[in-house]
Amino acid sequence: MAAIDMNAQLREWVAKAINEGCMGEEFGFDVSWGIQPPTVVYTLVITMKNPMLGKGPIVMPFTVPLPALREDAVRMGVHHTMGQLRGAYKKILDAGPQPVASSSN
């Protein structure tokens, strides 16, 4: 049996889930792992382009414990997070541009 790179496998699942649900929107992602005793957890960070020019992306992380690392669970988490990002995007648009603080000399 060949070795499986879990990080690469997870990245493939996340990319596939984003591509399934992106509807032409611009999303990004990153994956990292860490230890939260007694288990290993993967942290997935999903990003969406900010509607305000010059502002950084909207970012939402979620974690998946190693025992739950299955493609269906990852897909469900990614789609849920994409929905949260869409909500944040709409909230930013509804708030409109924020005034820039001016400095008086």
PDB file of N, CA and C in Angstrom:
ATOM      1  N   MET A   1       0.849  -1.185   0.000  1.00  0.00           N
ATOM      2  CA  MET A   1       0.000   0.000   0.000  1.00  0.00           C
ATOM      3  C   MET A   1       0.889   1.241   0.000  1.00  0.00           C
ATOM      4  N   ALA A   2       0.563   2.173  -0.836  1.00  0.00           N
ATOM      5  CA  ALA A   2       1.340   3.409  -0.956  1.00  0.00           C
ATOM      6  C   ALA A   2       1.002   4.376   0.178  1.00  0.00           C
ATOM      7  N   ALA A   3       1.950   5.223   0.486  1.00  0.00           N
ATOM      8  CA  ALA A   3       1.732   6.248   1.510  1.00  0.00           C
ATOM      9  C   ALA A   3       0.789   7.322   0.969  1.00  0.00           C
ATOM     10  N   ILE A   4      -0.020   7.888   1.851  1.00  0.00           N
ATOM     11  CA  ILE A   4      -0.965   8.936   1.478  1.00  0.00           C
ATOM     12  C   ILE A   4      -0.577  10.208   2.212  1.00  0.00           C
ATOM     13  N   ASP A   5      -0.392  11.281   1.489  1.00  0.00           N
ATOM     14  CA  ASP A   5      -0.116  12.584   2.076  1.00  0.00           C
ATOM     15  C   ASP A   5      -1.455  13.176   2.504  1.00  0.00           C
ATOM     16  N   MET A   6      -1.749  13.143   3.802  1.00  0.00           N
ATOM     17  CA  MET A   6      -3.044  13.599   4.303  1.00  0.00           C
ATOM     18  C   MET A   6      -3.282  15.074   4.010  1.00  0.00           C
ATOM     19  N   ASN A   7      -2.230  15.889   4.090  1.00  0.00           N
ATOM     20  CA  ASN A   7      -2.383  17.309   3.814  1.00  0.00           C
ATOM     21  C   ASN A   7      -2.781  17.519   2.362  1.00  0.00           C
ATOM     22  N   ALA A   8      -2.135  16.811   1.444  1.00  0.00           N
ATOM     23  CA  ALA A   8      -2.471  16.929   0.024  1.00  0.00           C
ATOM     24  C   ALA A   8      -3.885  16.421  -0.232  1.00  0.00           C
ATOM     25  N   GLN A   9      -4.263  15.329   0.425  1.00  0.00           N
ATOM     26  CA  GLN A   9      -5.614  14.777   0.266  1.00  0.00           C
ATOM     27  C   GLN A   9      -6.653  15.780   0.741  1.00  0.00           C
ATOM     28  N   LEU A  10      -6.398  16.385   1.901  1.00  0.00           N
ATOM     29  CA  LEU A  10      -7.318  17.372   2.455  1.00  0.00           C
ATOM     30  C   LEU A  10      -7.421  18.585   1.539  1.00  0.00           C
ATOM     31  N   ARG A  11      -6.294  19.062   1.027  1.00  0.00           N
ATOM     32  CA  ARG A  11      -6.308  20.194   0.095  1.00  0.00           C
ATOM     33  C   ARG A  11      -7.133  19.872  -1.152  1.00  0.00           C
ATOM     34  N   GLU A  12      -7.016  18.656  -1.630  1.00  0.00           N
ATOM     35  CA  GLU A  12      -7.795  18.238  -2.805  1.00  0.00           C
ATOM     36  C   GLU A  12      -9.293  18.272  -2.495  1.00  0.00           C
ATOM     37  N   TRP A  13      -9.677  17.758  -1.310  1.00  0.00           N
ATOM     38  CA  TRP A  13     -11.089  17.767  -0.921  1.00  0.00           C
ATOM     39  C   TRP A  13     -11.619  19.190  -0.781  1.00  0.00           C
ATOM     40  N   VAL A  14     -10.830  20.080  -0.163  1.00  0.00           N
ATOM     41  CA  VAL A  14     -11.266  21.460   0.039  1.00  0.00           C
ATOM     42  C   VAL A  14     -11.424  22.158  -1.312  1.00  0.00           C
ATOM     43  N   ALA A  15     -10.441  22.018  -2.187  1.00  0.00           N
ATOM     44  CA  ALA A  15     -10.520  22.648  -3.515  1.00  0.00           C
ATOM     45  C   ALA A  15     -11.743  22.148  -4.279  1.00  0.00           C
ATOM     46  N   LYS A  16     -11.991  20.856  -4.209  1.00  0.00           N
ATOM     47  CA  LYS A  16     -13.142  20.267  -4.895  1.00  0.00           C
ATOM     48  C   LYS A  16     -14.448  20.844  -4.336  1.00  0.00           C
ATOM     49  N   ALA A  17     -14.553  20.943  -3.012  1.00  0.00           N
ATOM     50  CA  ALA A  17     -15.763  21.472  -2.377  1.00  0.00           C
ATOM     51  C   ALA A  17     -15.978  22.941  -2.737  1.00  0.00           C
ATOM     52  N   ILE A  18     -14.913  23.728  -2.761  1.00  0.00           N
ATOM     53  CA  ILE A  18     -15.037  25.139  -3.138  1.00  0.00           C
ATOM     54  C   ILE A  18     -15.475  25.251  -4.593  1.00  0.00           C
ATOM     55  N   ASN A  19     -14.853  24.487  -5.465  1.00  0.00           N
ATOM     56  CA  ASN A  19     -15.211  24.538  -6.883  1.00  0.00           C
ATOM     57  C   ASN A  19     -16.661  24.134  -7.126  1.00  0.00           C
ATOM     58  N   GLU A  20     -17.180  23.202  -6.319  1.00  0.00           N
ATOM     59  CA  GLU A  20     -18.580  22.770  -6.445  1.00  0.00           C
ATOM     60  C   GLU A  20     -19.555  23.888  -6.079  1.00  0.00           C
ATOM     61  N   GLY A  21     -19.185  24.713  -5.102  1.00  0.00           N
ATOM     62  CA  GLY A  21     -20.146  25.672  -4.575  1.00  0.00           C
ATOM     63  C   GLY A  21     -19.813  27.132  -4.769  1.00  0.00           C
ATOM     64  N   CYS A  22     -18.803  27.458  -5.557  1.00  0.00           N
ATOM     65  CA  CYS A  22     -18.341  28.856  -5.609  1.00  0.00           C
ATOM     66  C   CYS A  22     -19.229  29.780  -6.433  1.00  0.00           C
ATOM     67  N   MET A  23     -20.003  29.275  -7.360  1.00  0.00           N
ATOM     68  CA  MET A  23     -20.905  30.093  -8.184  1.00  0.00           C
ATOM     69  C   MET A  23     -20.195  31.298  -8.786  1.00  0.00           C
ATOM     70  N   GLY A  24     -18.956  31.113  -9.209  1.00  0.00           N
ATOM     71  CA  GLY A  24     -18.204  32.187  -9.854  1.00  0.00           C
ATOM     72  C   GLY A  24     -17.538  33.156  -8.892  1.00  0.00           C
ATOM     73  N   GLU A  25     -17.752  32.981  -7.599  1.00  0.00           N
ATOM     74  CA  GLU A  25     -17.151  33.874  -6.610  1.00  0.00           C
ATOM     75  C   GLU A  25     -15.700  33.457  -6.374  1.00  0.00           C
ATOM     76  N   GLU A  26     -14.927  34.404  -5.866  1.00  0.00           N
ATOM     77  CA  GLU A  26     -13.506  34.157  -5.630  1.00  0.00           C
ATOM     78  C   GLU A  26     -13.260  33.741  -4.185  1.00  0.00           C
ATOM     79  N   PHE A  27     -12.920  32.473  -3.978  1.00  0.00           N
ATOM     80  CA  PHE A  27     -12.594  31.943  -2.656  1.00  0.00           C
ATOM     81  C   PHE A  27     -11.151  31.453  -2.669  1.00  0.00           C
ATOM     82  N   GLY A  28     -10.547  31.434  -1.515  1.00  0.00           N
ATOM     83  CA  GLY A  28      -9.215  30.866  -1.348  1.00  0.00           C
ATOM     84  C   GLY A  28      -9.231  29.973  -0.123  1.00  0.00           C
ATOM     85  N   PHE A  29      -8.129  29.257   0.112  1.00  0.00           N
ATOM     86  CA  PHE A  29      -8.078  28.407   1.295  1.00  0.00           C
ATOM     87  C   PHE A  29      -6.640  28.100   1.659  1.00  0.00           C
ATOM     88  N   ASP A  30      -6.479  27.671   2.897  1.00  0.00           N
ATOM     89  CA  ASP A  30      -5.207  27.130   3.359  1.00  0.00           C
ATOM     90  C   ASP A  30      -5.526  26.079   4.411  1.00  0.00           C
ATOM     91  N   VAL A  31      -4.590  25.193   4.618  1.00  0.00           N
ATOM     92  CA  VAL A  31      -4.766  24.083   5.543  1.00  0.00           C
ATOM     93  C   VAL A  31      -3.526  23.968   6.414  1.00  0.00           C
ATOM     94  N   SER A  32      -3.735  23.774   7.701  1.00  0.00           N
ATOM     95  CA  SER A  32      -2.615  23.497   8.603  1.00  0.00           C
ATOM     96  C   SER A  32      -3.094  22.469   9.627  1.00  0.00           C
ATOM     97  N   TRP A  33      -2.160  21.904  10.347  1.00  0.00           N
ATOM     98  CA  TRP A  33      -2.530  20.929  11.364  1.00  0.00           C
ATOM     99  C   TRP A  33      -1.850  21.285  12.666  1.00  0.00           C
ATOM    100  N   GLY A  34      -2.409  20.768  13.726  1.00  0.00           N
ATOM    101  CA  GLY A  34      -1.845  20.990  15.048  1.00  0.00           C
ATOM    102  C   GLY A  34      -2.333  19.918  15.992  1.00  0.00           C
ATOM    103  N   ILE A  35      -1.869  19.973  17.207  1.00  0.00           N
ATOM    104  CA  ILE A  35      -2.254  18.977  18.199  1.00  0.00           C
ATOM    105  C   ILE A  35      -3.075  19.668  19.281  1.00  0.00           C
ATOM    106  N   GLN A  36      -4.270  19.158  19.483  1.00  0.00           N
ATOM    107  CA  GLN A  36      -5.111  19.562  20.602  1.00  0.00           C
ATOM    108  C   GLN A  36      -5.389  18.269  21.359  1.00  0.00           C
ATOM    109  N   PRO A  37      -4.533  17.971  22.352  1.00  0.00           N
ATOM    110  CA  PRO A  37      -4.626  16.671  23.021  1.00  0.00           C
ATOM    111  C   PRO A  37      -6.072  16.313  23.341  1.00  0.00           C
ATOM    112  N   PRO A  38      -6.450  15.117  23.085  1.00  0.00           N
ATOM    113  CA  PRO A  38      -5.628  13.959  22.748  1.00  0.00           C
ATOM    114  C   PRO A  38      -5.577  13.659  21.253  1.00  0.00           C
ATOM    115  N   THR A  39      -5.882  14.612  20.405  1.00  0.00           N
ATOM    116  CA  THR A  39      -5.961  14.298  18.975  1.00  0.00           C
ATOM    117  C   THR A  39      -5.260  15.347  18.114  1.00  0.00           C
ATOM    118  N   VAL A  40      -5.097  15.016  16.868  1.00  0.00           N
ATOM    119  CA  VAL A  40      -4.578  15.940  15.860  1.00  0.00           C
ATOM    120  C   VAL A  40      -5.784  16.612  15.216  1.00  0.00           C
ATOM    121  N   VAL A  41      -5.691  17.917  14.978  1.00  0.00           N
ATOM    122  CA  VAL A  41      -6.762  18.639  14.290  1.00  0.00           C
ATOM    123  C   VAL A  41      -6.193  19.359  13.076  1.00  0.00           C
ATOM    124  N   TYR A  42      -6.993  19.440  12.064  1.00  0.00           N
ATOM    125  CA  TYR A  42      -6.652  20.231  10.891  1.00  0.00           C
ATOM    126  C   TYR A  42      -7.460  21.512  10.956  1.00  0.00           C
ATOM    127  N   THR A  43      -6.814  22.636  10.717  1.00  0.00           N
ATOM    128  CA  THR A  43      -7.497  23.918  10.647  1.00  0.00           C
ATOM    129  C   THR A  43      -7.569  24.313   9.183  1.00  0.00           C
ATOM    130  N   LEU A  44      -8.771  24.542   8.715  1.00  0.00           N
ATOM    131  CA  LEU A  44      -9.001  24.971   7.340  1.00  0.00           C
ATOM    132  C   LEU A  44      -9.394  26.438   7.385  1.00  0.00           C
ATOM    133  N   VAL A  45      -8.733  27.241   6.610  1.00  0.00           N
ATOM    134  CA  VAL A  45      -9.036  28.660   6.534  1.00  0.00           C
ATOM    135  C   VAL A  45      -9.584  28.915   5.135  1.00  0.00           C
ATOM    136  N   ILE A  46     -10.820  29.391   5.083  1.00  0.00           N
ATOM    137  CA  ILE A  46     -11.454  29.712   3.813  1.00  0.00           C
ATOM    138  C   ILE A  46     -11.529  31.233   3.733  1.00  0.00           C
ATOM    139  N   THR A  47     -11.181  31.783   2.589  1.00  0.00           N
ATOM    140  CA  THR A  47     -11.206  33.235   2.410  1.00  0.00           C
ATOM    141  C   THR A  47     -12.091  33.602   1.229  1.00  0.00           C
ATOM    142  N   MET A  48     -12.584  34.832   1.259  1.00  0.00           N
ATOM    143  CA  MET A  48     -13.386  35.368   0.167  1.00  0.00           C
ATOM    144  C   MET A  48     -12.938  36.797  -0.079  1.00  0.00           C
ATOM    145  N   LYS A  49     -12.918  37.177  -1.315  1.00  0.00           N
ATOM    146  CA  LYS A  49     -12.513  38.537  -1.676  1.00  0.00           C
ATOM    147  C   LYS A  49     -13.430  39.542  -0.988  1.00  0.00           C
ATOM    148  N   ASN A  50     -12.839  40.580  -0.416  1.00  0.00           N
ATOM    149  CA  ASN A  50     -13.578  41.631   0.266  1.00  0.00           C
ATOM    150  C   ASN A  50     -14.220  42.549  -0.777  1.00  0.00           C
ATOM    151  N   PRO A  51     -15.495  42.942  -0.586  1.00  0.00           N
ATOM    152  CA  PRO A  51     -16.125  43.827  -1.566  1.00  0.00           C
ATOM    153  C   PRO A  51     -15.588  45.260  -1.526  1.00  0.00           C
ATOM    154  N   MET A  52     -14.884  45.626  -0.465  1.00  0.00           N
ATOM    155  CA  MET A  52     -14.331  46.972  -0.358  1.00  0.00           C
ATOM    156  C   MET A  52     -12.911  46.994  -0.919  1.00  0.00           C
ATOM    157  N   LEU A  53     -12.700  47.836  -1.892  1.00  0.00           N
ATOM    158  CA  LEU A  53     -11.386  47.935  -2.530  1.00  0.00           C
ATOM    159  C   LEU A  53     -10.315  48.278  -1.503  1.00  0.00           C
ATOM    160  N   GLY A  54      -9.181  47.645  -1.632  1.00  0.00           N
ATOM    161  CA  GLY A  54      -8.052  47.928  -0.764  1.00  0.00           C
ATOM    162  C   GLY A  54      -8.107  47.227   0.584  1.00  0.00           C
ATOM    163  N   LYS A  55      -9.158  46.497   0.852  1.00  0.00           N
ATOM    164  CA  LYS A  55      -9.280  45.774   2.120  1.00  0.00           C
ATOM    165  C   LYS A  55      -8.853  44.328   1.918  1.00  0.00           C
ATOM    166  N   GLY A  56      -8.342  43.720   2.960  1.00  0.00           N
ATOM    167  CA  GLY A  56      -7.923  42.322   2.895  1.00  0.00           C
ATOM    168  C   GLY A  56      -9.113  41.390   2.778  1.00  0.00           C
ATOM    169  N   PRO A  57      -8.856  40.137   2.503  1.00  0.00           N
ATOM    170  CA  PRO A  57      -9.947  39.178   2.329  1.00  0.00           C
ATOM    171  C   PRO A  57     -10.728  38.947   3.620  1.00  0.00           C
ATOM    172  N   ILE A  58     -11.939  38.455   3.462  1.00  0.00           N
ATOM    173  CA  ILE A  58     -12.743  38.018   4.597  1.00  0.00           C
ATOM    174  C   ILE A  58     -12.257  36.602   4.910  1.00  0.00           C
ATOM    175  N   VAL A  59     -12.001  36.317   6.172  1.00  0.00           N
ATOM    176  CA  VAL A  59     -11.378  35.049   6.560  1.00  0.00           C
ATOM    177  C   VAL A  59     -12.236  34.331   7.596  1.00  0.00           C
ATOM    178  N   MET A  60     -12.447  33.034   7.393  1.00  0.00           N
ATOM    179  CA  MET A  60     -13.166  32.204   8.362  1.00  0.00           C
ATOM    180  C   MET A  60     -12.453  30.863   8.492  1.00  0.00           C
ATOM    181  N   PRO A  61     -12.004  30.526   9.704  1.00  0.00           N
ATOM    182  CA  PRO A  61     -11.388  29.212   9.919  1.00  0.00           C
ATOM    183  C   PRO A  61     -12.396  28.220  10.497  1.00  0.00           C
ATOM    184  N   PHE A  62     -12.125  26.951  10.314  1.00  0.00           N
ATOM    185  CA  PHE A  62     -12.824  25.908  11.061  1.00  0.00           C
ATOM    186  C   PHE A  62     -11.879  24.734  11.223  1.00  0.00           C
ATOM    187  N   THR A  63     -12.126  23.943  12.243  1.00  0.00           N
ATOM    188  CA  THR A  63     -11.234  22.815  12.522  1.00  0.00           C
ATOM    189  C   THR A  63     -11.948  21.490  12.309  1.00  0.00           C
ATOM    190  N   VAL A  64     -11.162  20.512  11.940  1.00  0.00           N
ATOM    191  CA  VAL A  64     -11.658  19.147  11.752  1.00  0.00           C
ATOM    192  C   VAL A  64     -10.712  18.228  12.517  1.00  0.00           C
ATOM    193  N   PRO A  65     -11.218  17.505  13.526  1.00  0.00           N
ATOM    194  CA  PRO A  65     -10.342  16.562  14.228  1.00  0.00           C
ATOM    195  C   PRO A  65     -10.020  15.380  13.320  1.00  0.00           C
ATOM    196  N   LEU A  66      -8.834  14.843  13.479  1.00  0.00           N
ATOM    197  CA  LEU A  66      -8.383  13.743  12.633  1.00  0.00           C
ATOM    198  C   LEU A  66      -9.378  12.591  12.566  1.00  0.00           C
ATOM    199  N   PRO A  67     -10.008  12.180  13.688  1.00  0.00           N
ATOM    200  CA  PRO A  67     -10.955  11.071  13.571  1.00  0.00           C
ATOM    201  C   PRO A  67     -12.133  11.373  12.642  1.00  0.00           C
ATOM    202  N   ALA A  68     -12.462  12.651  12.433  1.00  0.00           N
ATOM    203  CA  ALA A  68     -13.592  13.028  11.579  1.00  0.00           C
ATOM    204  C   ALA A  68     -13.135  13.432  10.176  1.00  0.00           C
ATOM    205  N   LEU A  69     -11.894  13.179   9.852  1.00  0.00           N
ATOM    206  CA  LEU A  69     -11.344  13.619   8.566  1.00  0.00           C
ATOM    207  C   LEU A  69     -11.840  12.701   7.450  1.00  0.00           C
ATOM    208  N   ARG A  70     -13.025  13.043   6.968  1.00  0.00           N
ATOM    209  CA  ARG A  70     -13.631  12.322   5.853  1.00  0.00           C
ATOM    210  C   ARG A  70     -14.062  13.349   4.821  1.00  0.00           C
ATOM    211  N   GLU A  71     -14.092  12.963   3.580  1.00  0.00           N
ATOM    212  CA  GLU A  71     -14.419  13.910   2.513  1.00  0.00           C
ATOM    213  C   GLU A  71     -15.800  14.529   2.703  1.00  0.00           C
ATOM    214  N   ASP A  72     -16.794  13.750   3.088  1.00  0.00           N
ATOM    215  CA  ASP A  72     -18.139  14.309   3.256  1.00  0.00           C
ATOM    216  C   ASP A  72     -18.182  15.342   4.385  1.00  0.00           C
ATOM    217  N   ALA A  73     -17.473  15.101   5.477  1.00  0.00           N
ATOM    218  CA  ALA A  73     -17.433  16.052   6.587  1.00  0.00           C
ATOM    219  C   ALA A  73     -16.712  17.328   6.183  1.00  0.00           C
ATOM    220  N   VAL A  74     -15.627  17.180   5.434  1.00  0.00           N
ATOM    221  CA  VAL A  74     -14.878  18.349   4.963  1.00  0.00           C
ATOM    222  C   VAL A  74     -15.744  19.164   4.008  1.00  0.00           C
ATOM    223  N   ARG A  75     -16.405  18.499   3.074  1.00  0.00           N
ATOM    224  CA  ARG A  75     -17.262  19.195   2.113  1.00  0.00           C
ATOM    225  C   ARG A  75     -18.363  19.966   2.833  1.00  0.00           C
ATOM    226  N   MET A  76     -19.010  19.331   3.806  1.00  0.00           N
ATOM    227  CA  MET A  76     -20.070  19.995   4.547  1.00  0.00           C
ATOM    228  C   MET A  76     -19.525  21.220   5.291  1.00  0.00           C
ATOM    229  N   GLY A  77     -18.359  21.082   5.921  1.00  0.00           N
ATOM    230  CA  GLY A  77     -17.754  22.217   6.630  1.00  0.00           C
ATOM    231  C   GLY A  77     -17.378  23.350   5.695  1.00  0.00           C
ATOM    232  N   VAL A  78     -16.827  23.023   4.534  1.00  0.00           N
ATOM    233  CA  VAL A  78     -16.446  24.048   3.559  1.00  0.00           C
ATOM    234  C   VAL A  78     -17.687  24.783   3.065  1.00  0.00           C
ATOM    235  N   HIS A  79     -18.736  24.055   2.711  1.00  0.00           N
ATOM    236  CA  HIS A  79     -19.953  24.704   2.206  1.00  0.00           C
ATOM    237  C   HIS A  79     -20.602  25.576   3.280  1.00  0.00           C
ATOM    238  N   HIS A  80     -20.587  25.114   4.529  1.00  0.00           N
ATOM    239  CA  HIS A  80     -21.127  25.915   5.635  1.00  0.00           C
ATOM    240  C   HIS A  80     -20.313  27.207   5.796  1.00  0.00           C
ATOM    241  N   THR A  81     -19.000  27.083   5.752  1.00  0.00           N
ATOM    242  CA  THR A  81     -18.125  28.252   5.903  1.00  0.00           C
ATOM    243  C   THR A  81     -18.294  29.217   4.730  1.00  0.00           C
ATOM    244  N   MET A  82     -18.470  28.690   3.528  1.00  0.00           N
ATOM    245  CA  MET A  82     -18.715  29.552   2.371  1.00  0.00           C
ATOM    246  C   MET A  82     -20.004  30.354   2.568  1.00  0.00           C
ATOM    247  N   GLY A  83     -21.020  29.734   3.153  1.00  0.00           N
ATOM    248  CA  GLY A  83     -22.264  30.441   3.453  1.00  0.00           C
ATOM    249  C   GLY A  83     -22.042  31.561   4.464  1.00  0.00           C
ATOM    250  N   GLN A  84     -21.218  31.290   5.475  1.00  0.00           N
ATOM    251  CA  GLN A  84     -20.899  32.326   6.461  1.00  0.00           C
ATOM    252  C   GLN A  84     -20.141  33.479   5.806  1.00  0.00           C
ATOM    253  N   LEU A  85     -19.224  33.162   4.912  1.00  0.00           N
ATOM    254  CA  LEU A  85     -18.468  34.207   4.215  1.00  0.00           C
ATOM    255  C   LEU A  85     -19.392  35.055   3.348  1.00  0.00           C
ATOM    256  N   ARG A  86     -20.340  34.424   2.681  1.00  0.00           N
ATOM    257  CA  ARG A  86     -21.311  35.180   1.870  1.00  0.00           C
ATOM    258  C   ARG A  86     -22.122  36.132   2.749  1.00  0.00           C
ATOM    259  N   GLY A  87     -22.491  35.666   3.940  1.00  0.00           N
ATOM    260  CA  GLY A  87     -23.207  36.524   4.880  1.00  0.00           C
ATOM    261  C   GLY A  87     -22.359  37.707   5.316  1.00  0.00           C
ATOM    262  N   ALA A  88     -21.085  37.451   5.604  1.00  0.00           N
ATOM    263  CA  ALA A  88     -20.179  38.533   5.999  1.00  0.00           C
ATOM    264  C   ALA A  88     -19.983  39.520   4.845  1.00  0.00           C
ATOM    265  N   TYR A  89     -19.873  39.002   3.628  1.00  0.00           N
ATOM    266  CA  TYR A  89     -19.722  39.836   2.431  1.00  0.00           C
ATOM    267  C   TYR A  89     -20.923  40.774   2.299  1.00  0.00           C
ATOM    268  N   LYS A  90     -22.127  40.216   2.452  1.00  0.00           N
ATOM    269  CA  LYS A  90     -23.353  41.014   2.340  1.00  0.00           C
ATOM    270  C   LYS A  90     -23.418  42.072   3.435  1.00  0.00           C
ATOM    271  N   LYS A  91     -23.015  41.690   4.636  1.00  0.00           N
ATOM    272  CA  LYS A  91     -23.026  42.633   5.759  1.00  0.00           C
ATOM    273  C   LYS A  91     -22.081  43.812   5.482  1.00  0.00           C
ATOM    274  N   ILE A  92     -20.915  43.520   4.921  1.00  0.00           N
ATOM    275  CA  ILE A  92     -19.959  44.581   4.577  1.00  0.00           C
ATOM    276  C   ILE A  92     -20.548  45.497   3.515  1.00  0.00           C
ATOM    277  N   LEU A  93     -21.184  44.907   2.489  1.00  0.00           N
ATOM    278  CA  LEU A  93     -21.803  45.722   1.436  1.00  0.00           C
ATOM    279  C   LEU A  93     -22.921  46.589   2.001  1.00  0.00           C
ATOM    280  N   ASP A  94     -23.760  46.004   2.868  1.00  0.00           N
ATOM    281  CA  ASP A  94     -24.872  46.751   3.451  1.00  0.00           C
ATOM    282  C   ASP A  94     -24.383  47.913   4.309  1.00  0.00           C
ATOM    283  N   ALA A  95     -23.251  47.732   4.989  1.00  0.00           N
ATOM    284  CA  ALA A  95     -22.703  48.796   5.845  1.00  0.00           C
ATOM    285  C   ALA A  95     -22.129  49.928   5.003  1.00  0.00           C
ATOM    286  N   GLY A  96     -21.717  49.623   3.788  1.00  0.00           N
ATOM    287  CA  GLY A  96     -21.148  50.636   2.906  1.00  0.00           C
ATOM    288  C   GLY A  96     -19.758  51.046   3.328  1.00  0.00           C
ATOM    289  N   PRO A  97     -19.172  51.942   2.536  1.00  0.00           N
ATOM    290  CA  PRO A  97     -17.813  52.388   2.853  1.00  0.00           C
ATOM    291  C   PRO A  97     -17.774  53.125   4.195  1.00  0.00           C
ATOM    292  N   GLN A  98     -16.728  52.879   4.940  1.00  0.00           N
ATOM    293  CA  GLN A  98     -16.560  53.541   6.220  1.00  0.00           C
ATOM    294  C   GLN A  98     -15.756  54.816   6.020  1.00  0.00           C
ATOM    295  N   PRO A  99     -16.130  55.891   6.699  1.00  0.00           N
ATOM    296  CA  PRO A  99     -15.374  57.140   6.539  1.00  0.00           C
ATOM    297  C   PRO A  99     -13.941  56.968   7.027  1.00  0.00           C
ATOM    298  N   VAL A 100     -13.056  57.641   6.326  1.00  0.00           N
ATOM    299  CA  VAL A 100     -11.645  57.609   6.702  1.00  0.00           C
ATOM    300  C   VAL A 100     -11.391  58.734   7.701  1.00  0.00           C
ATOM    301  N   ALA A 101     -10.761  58.387   8.803  1.00  0.00           N
ATOM    302  CA  ALA A 101     -10.442  59.390   9.825  1.00  0.00           C
ATOM    303  C   ALA A 101      -9.413  60.358   9.250  1.00  0.00           C
ATOM    304  N   SER A 102      -9.711  61.618   9.363  1.00  0.00           N
ATOM    305  CA  SER A 102      -8.758  62.614   8.861  1.00  0.00           C
ATOM    306  C   SER A 102      -7.929  63.158  10.002  1.00  0.00           C
ATOM    307  N   SER A 103      -6.710  63.510   9.689  1.00  0.00           N
ATOM    308  CA  SER A 103      -5.853  64.097  10.715  1.00  0.00           C
ATOM    309  C   SER A 103      -5.799  65.596  10.501  1.00  0.00           C
ATOM    310  N   SER A 104      -5.963  66.324  11.567  1.00  0.00           N
ATOM    311  CA  SER A 104      -5.914  67.791  11.460  1.00  0.00           C
ATOM    312  C   SER A 104      -4.586  68.273  12.022  1.00  0.00           C
ATOM    313  N   ASN A 105      -3.900  69.064  11.246  1.00  0.00           N
ATOM    314  CA  ASN A 105      -2.603  69.598  11.668  1.00  0.00           C
ATOM    315  C   ASN A 105      -2.703  71.028  12.024  1.00  0.00           C
TER     316      ASN A 105
END
